[in-house]
Amino acid sequence: MSSSSITLFFAQVSNAAAGAATTAGASDTTAQQAPPAWSPFIYILLFVAMIYFALIRPQMQAKKKVEETIKSAKTGDKVVTSSGIHGVITNVKDSTVIVRVADNVKLEIEKTHIDKITRPDTDSEKAVTAKVS
């Protein structure tokens, strides 16, 4: 068999397959129903739900945990502020804390600027990171 006869054979087979597909496709399209008009909204809803549970909800939970940690700041806790000042809380007010940074040196700092709180546990110290954006 020559290459031209092979090419001719495959051309005839592909033409026959294409013709069969169009005749079968014509009968199938009349039997198929169009999808409902609201079906694209399902994908949009699923996408929004994925974004919420993957990005927004974890951030809200982390922010809530940080706010609870800052509210629970008490006298004797070691803190590091967002500007890098290390000290020990000596007094807690409504929105501020008094931090002793050295002997006879006390600073009044907003609670929102506390970056890290270290509380002594039984044997070791446990660092609780609290960052408010």
C-alpha atoms as a PDB file:
ATOM      1  CA  MET A   1       0.000   0.000   0.000  1.00  0.00           C
ATOM      2  CA  SER A   2       1.241   3.408  -0.851  1.00  0.00           C
ATOM      3  CA  SER A   3       1.113   6.456   1.389  1.00  0.00           C
ATOM      4  CA  SER A   4      -1.477   8.166  -0.805  1.00  0.00           C
ATOM      5  CA  SER A   5      -3.863   5.224  -0.486  1.00  0.00           C
ATOM      6  CA  ILE A   6      -3.422   5.238   3.315  1.00  0.00           C
ATOM      7  CA  THR A   7      -4.135   8.942   3.396  1.00  0.00           C
ATOM      8  CA  LEU A   8      -7.203   8.461   1.212  1.00  0.00           C
ATOM      9  CA  PHE A   9      -8.439   5.664   3.490  1.00  0.00           C
ATOM     10  CA  PHE A  10      -8.122   7.788   6.648  1.00  0.00           C
ATOM     11  CA  ALA A  11      -9.801  10.730   4.911  1.00  0.00           C
ATOM     12  CA  GLN A  12     -12.768   8.555   3.983  1.00  0.00           C
ATOM     13  CA  VAL A  13     -12.989   7.126   7.516  1.00  0.00           C
ATOM     14  CA  SER A  14     -12.884  10.571   9.108  1.00  0.00           C
ATOM     15  CA  ASN A  15     -15.505  11.920   6.669  1.00  0.00           C
ATOM     16  CA  ALA A  16     -17.769   8.981   7.417  1.00  0.00           C
ATOM     17  CA  ALA A  17     -17.327   9.467  11.175  1.00  0.00           C
ATOM     18  CA  ALA A  18     -18.051  13.181  10.873  1.00  0.00           C
ATOM     19  CA  GLY A  19     -21.185  12.522   8.840  1.00  0.00           C
ATOM     20  CA  ALA A  20     -22.411   9.955  11.337  1.00  0.00           C
ATOM     21  CA  ALA A  21     -21.747  12.365  14.201  1.00  0.00           C
ATOM     22  CA  THR A  22     -23.749  15.153  12.595  1.00  0.00           C
ATOM     23  CA  THR A  23     -26.732  12.931  11.892  1.00  0.00           C
ATOM     24  CA  ALA A  24     -26.616  11.439  15.382  1.00  0.00           C
ATOM     25  CA  GLY A  25     -26.029  14.869  16.875  1.00  0.00           C
ATOM     26  CA  ALA A  26     -29.053  16.305  15.119  1.00  0.00           C
ATOM     27  CA  SER A  27     -31.346  13.761  16.680  1.00  0.00           C
ATOM     28  CA  ASP A  28     -29.694  14.160  20.107  1.00  0.00           C
ATOM     29  CA  THR A  29     -30.061  17.948  20.213  1.00  0.00           C
ATOM     30  CA  THR A  30     -33.795  17.758  19.770  1.00  0.00           C
ATOM     31  CA  ALA A  31     -34.039  15.314  22.684  1.00  0.00           C
ATOM     32  CA  GLN A  32     -31.775  17.329  25.026  1.00  0.00           C
ATOM     33  CA  GLN A  33     -33.231  19.973  27.292  1.00  0.00           C
ATOM     34  CA  ALA A  34     -31.537  23.259  28.090  1.00  0.00           C
ATOM     35  CA  PRO A  35     -30.199  23.610  31.650  1.00  0.00           C
ATOM     36  CA  PRO A  36     -32.256  25.760  34.020  1.00  0.00           C
ATOM     37  CA  ALA A  37     -31.594  29.501  33.999  1.00  0.00           C
ATOM     38  CA  TRP A  38     -30.576  29.513  37.677  1.00  0.00           C
ATOM     39  CA  SER A  39     -27.802  26.891  37.294  1.00  0.00           C
ATOM     40  CA  PRO A  40     -24.934  29.424  36.824  1.00  0.00           C
ATOM     41  CA  PHE A  41     -25.865  30.967  40.169  1.00  0.00           C
ATOM     42  CA  ILE A  42     -25.031  27.702  41.924  1.00  0.00           C
ATOM     43  CA  TYR A  43     -21.402  28.036  40.823  1.00  0.00           C
ATOM     44  CA  ILE A  44     -21.274  31.655  41.959  1.00  0.00           C
ATOM     45  CA  LEU A  45     -22.747  30.694  45.325  1.00  0.00           C
ATOM     46  CA  LEU A  46     -20.239  27.861  45.755  1.00  0.00           C
ATOM     47  CA  PHE A  47     -17.382  30.214  44.867  1.00  0.00           C
ATOM     48  CA  VAL A  48     -18.514  32.816  47.412  1.00  0.00           C
ATOM     49  CA  ALA A  49     -18.873  30.122  50.087  1.00  0.00           C
ATOM     50  CA  MET A  50     -15.346  28.844  49.383  1.00  0.00           C
ATOM     51  CA  ILE A  51     -13.910  32.359  49.662  1.00  0.00           C
ATOM     52  CA  TYR A  52     -15.771  32.948  52.923  1.00  0.00           C
ATOM     53  CA  PHE A  53     -14.672  29.714  54.580  1.00  0.00           C
ATOM     54  CA  ALA A  54     -11.111  29.859  53.219  1.00  0.00           C
ATOM     55  CA  LEU A  55     -10.251  33.522  53.766  1.00  0.00           C
ATOM     56  CA  ILE A  56     -12.759  35.654  55.637  1.00  0.00           C
ATOM     57  CA  ARG A  57     -13.894  33.374  58.479  1.00  0.00           C
ATOM     58  CA  PRO A  58     -10.387  32.363  59.654  1.00  0.00           C
ATOM     59  CA  GLN A  59      -9.357  36.024  59.771  1.00  0.00           C
ATOM     60  CA  MET A  60     -12.420  36.920  61.819  1.00  0.00           C
ATOM     61  CA  GLN A  61     -11.738  34.078  64.263  1.00  0.00           C
ATOM     62  CA  ALA A  62      -8.073  35.074  64.625  1.00  0.00           C
ATOM     63  CA  LYS A  63      -9.023  38.714  65.228  1.00  0.00           C
ATOM     64  CA  LYS A  64     -11.560  37.666  67.863  1.00  0.00           C
ATOM     65  CA  LYS A  65      -8.946  35.525  69.628  1.00  0.00           C
ATOM     66  CA  VAL A  66      -6.441  38.395  69.615  1.00  0.00           C
ATOM     67  CA  GLU A  67      -9.013  40.809  71.064  1.00  0.00           C
ATOM     68  CA  GLU A  68      -9.857  38.327  73.829  1.00  0.00           C
ATOM     69  CA  THR A  69      -6.169  37.897  74.624  1.00  0.00           C
ATOM     70  CA  ILE A  70      -5.625  41.652  74.861  1.00  0.00           C
ATOM     71  CA  LYS A  71      -8.728  42.064  77.033  1.00  0.00           C
ATOM     72  CA  SER A  72      -7.379  39.395  79.366  1.00  0.00           C
ATOM     73  CA  ALA A  73      -4.095  41.264  79.928  1.00  0.00           C
ATOM     74  CA  LYS A  74      -3.406  41.489  83.634  1.00  0.00           C
ATOM     75  CA  THR A  75      -0.860  42.851  86.041  1.00  0.00           C
ATOM     76  CA  GLY A  76       2.408  40.931  85.957  1.00  0.00           C
ATOM     77  CA  ASP A  77       2.241  39.899  82.283  1.00  0.00           C
ATOM     78  CA  LYS A  78       5.329  40.570  80.213  1.00  0.00           C
ATOM     79  CA  VAL A  79       4.516  42.450  77.012  1.00  0.00           C
ATOM     80  CA  VAL A  80       6.186  43.557  73.814  1.00  0.00           C
ATOM     81  CA  THR A  81       4.619  46.503  72.032  1.00  0.00           C
ATOM     82  CA  SER A  82       4.337  46.952  68.286  1.00  0.00           C
ATOM     83  CA  SER A  83       7.218  49.444  68.487  1.00  0.00           C
ATOM     84  CA  GLY A  84       9.431  46.877  70.214  1.00  0.00           C
ATOM     85  CA  ILE A  85       9.279  48.103  73.818  1.00  0.00           C
ATOM     86  CA  HIS A  86       9.577  45.289  76.364  1.00  0.00           C
ATOM     87  CA  GLY A  87       8.084  45.632  79.822  1.00  0.00           C
ATOM     88  CA  VAL A  88       5.832  44.300  82.547  1.00  0.00           C
ATOM     89  CA  ILE A  89       2.234  45.409  83.036  1.00  0.00           C
ATOM     90  CA  THR A  90       1.796  47.168  86.378  1.00  0.00           C
ATOM     91  CA  ASN A  91      -1.730  48.543  85.936  1.00  0.00           C
ATOM     92  CA  VAL A  92      -4.600  47.816  83.550  1.00  0.00           C
ATOM     93  CA  LYS A  93      -7.135  50.491  82.559  1.00  0.00           C
ATOM     94  CA  ASP A  94     -10.063  50.425  80.142  1.00  0.00           C
ATOM     95  CA  SER A  95      -8.174  51.068  76.895  1.00  0.00           C
ATOM     96  CA  THR A  96      -4.600  51.457  78.132  1.00  0.00           C
ATOM     97  CA  VAL A  97      -2.046  49.661  80.294  1.00  0.00           C
ATOM     98  CA  ILE A  98       0.797  50.993  82.390  1.00  0.00           C
ATOM     99  CA  VAL A  99       4.015  49.175  81.476  1.00  0.00           C
ATOM    100  CA  ARG A 100       7.171  49.256  83.597  1.00  0.00           C
ATOM    101  CA  VAL A 101      10.145  49.200  81.216  1.00  0.00           C
ATOM    102  CA  ALA A 102      12.915  49.890  83.754  1.00  0.00           C
ATOM    103  CA  ASP A 103      13.268  50.891  87.396  1.00  0.00           C
ATOM    104  CA  ASN A 104      11.120  54.008  87.976  1.00  0.00           C
ATOM    105  CA  VAL A 105      10.198  54.187  84.267  1.00  0.00           C
ATOM    106  CA  LYS A 106       6.559  53.571  83.414  1.00  0.00           C
ATOM    107  CA  LEU A 107       4.779  54.110  80.115  1.00  0.00           C
ATOM    108  CA  GLU A 108       1.075  54.268  79.392  1.00  0.00           C
ATOM    109  CA  ILE A 109       0.395  52.270  76.227  1.00  0.00           C
ATOM    110  CA  GLU A 110      -2.809  51.624  74.266  1.00  0.00           C
ATOM    111  CA  LYS A 111      -3.955  48.017  74.476  1.00  0.00           C
ATOM    112  CA  THR A 112      -4.217  47.865  70.699  1.00  0.00           C
ATOM    113  CA  HIS A 113      -0.439  48.360  70.430  1.00  0.00           C
ATOM    114  CA  ILE A 114       0.412  45.252  72.417  1.00  0.00           C
ATOM    115  CA  ASP A 115       2.075  42.817  70.051  1.00  0.00           C
ATOM    116  CA  LYS A 116       2.921  39.912  72.327  1.00  0.00           C
ATOM    117  CA  ILE A 117       1.916  38.880  75.834  1.00  0.00           C
ATOM    118  CA  THR A 118       4.009  36.377  77.760  1.00  0.00           C
ATOM    119  CA  ARG A 119       2.368  34.748  80.737  1.00  0.00           C
ATOM    120  CA  PRO A 120       4.296  32.515  83.100  1.00  0.00           C
ATOM    121  CA  ASP A 121       2.832  29.000  83.265  1.00  0.00           C
ATOM    122  CA  THR A 122       3.630  26.394  85.888  1.00  0.00           C
ATOM    123  CA  ASP A 123       7.075  25.351  84.627  1.00  0.00           C
ATOM    124  CA  SER A 124       7.666  27.178  81.372  1.00  0.00           C
ATOM    125  CA  GLU A 125       6.622  30.455  79.835  1.00  0.00           C
ATOM    126  CA  LYS A 126       3.914  30.447  77.228  1.00  0.00           C
ATOM    127  CA  ALA A 127       4.040  33.203  74.625  1.00  0.00           C
ATOM    128  CA  VAL A 128       0.647  34.399  73.482  1.00  0.00           C
ATOM    129  CA  THR A 129       0.919  36.466  70.334  1.00  0.00           C
ATOM    130  CA  ALA A 130      -1.675  39.179  70.114  1.00  0.00           C
ATOM    131  CA  LYS A 131      -1.565  41.395  67.057  1.00  0.00           C
ATOM    132  CA  VAL A 132      -4.355  43.791  66.178  1.00  0.00           C
ATOM    133  CA  SER A 133      -4.320  45.158  62.655  1.00  0.00           C
END
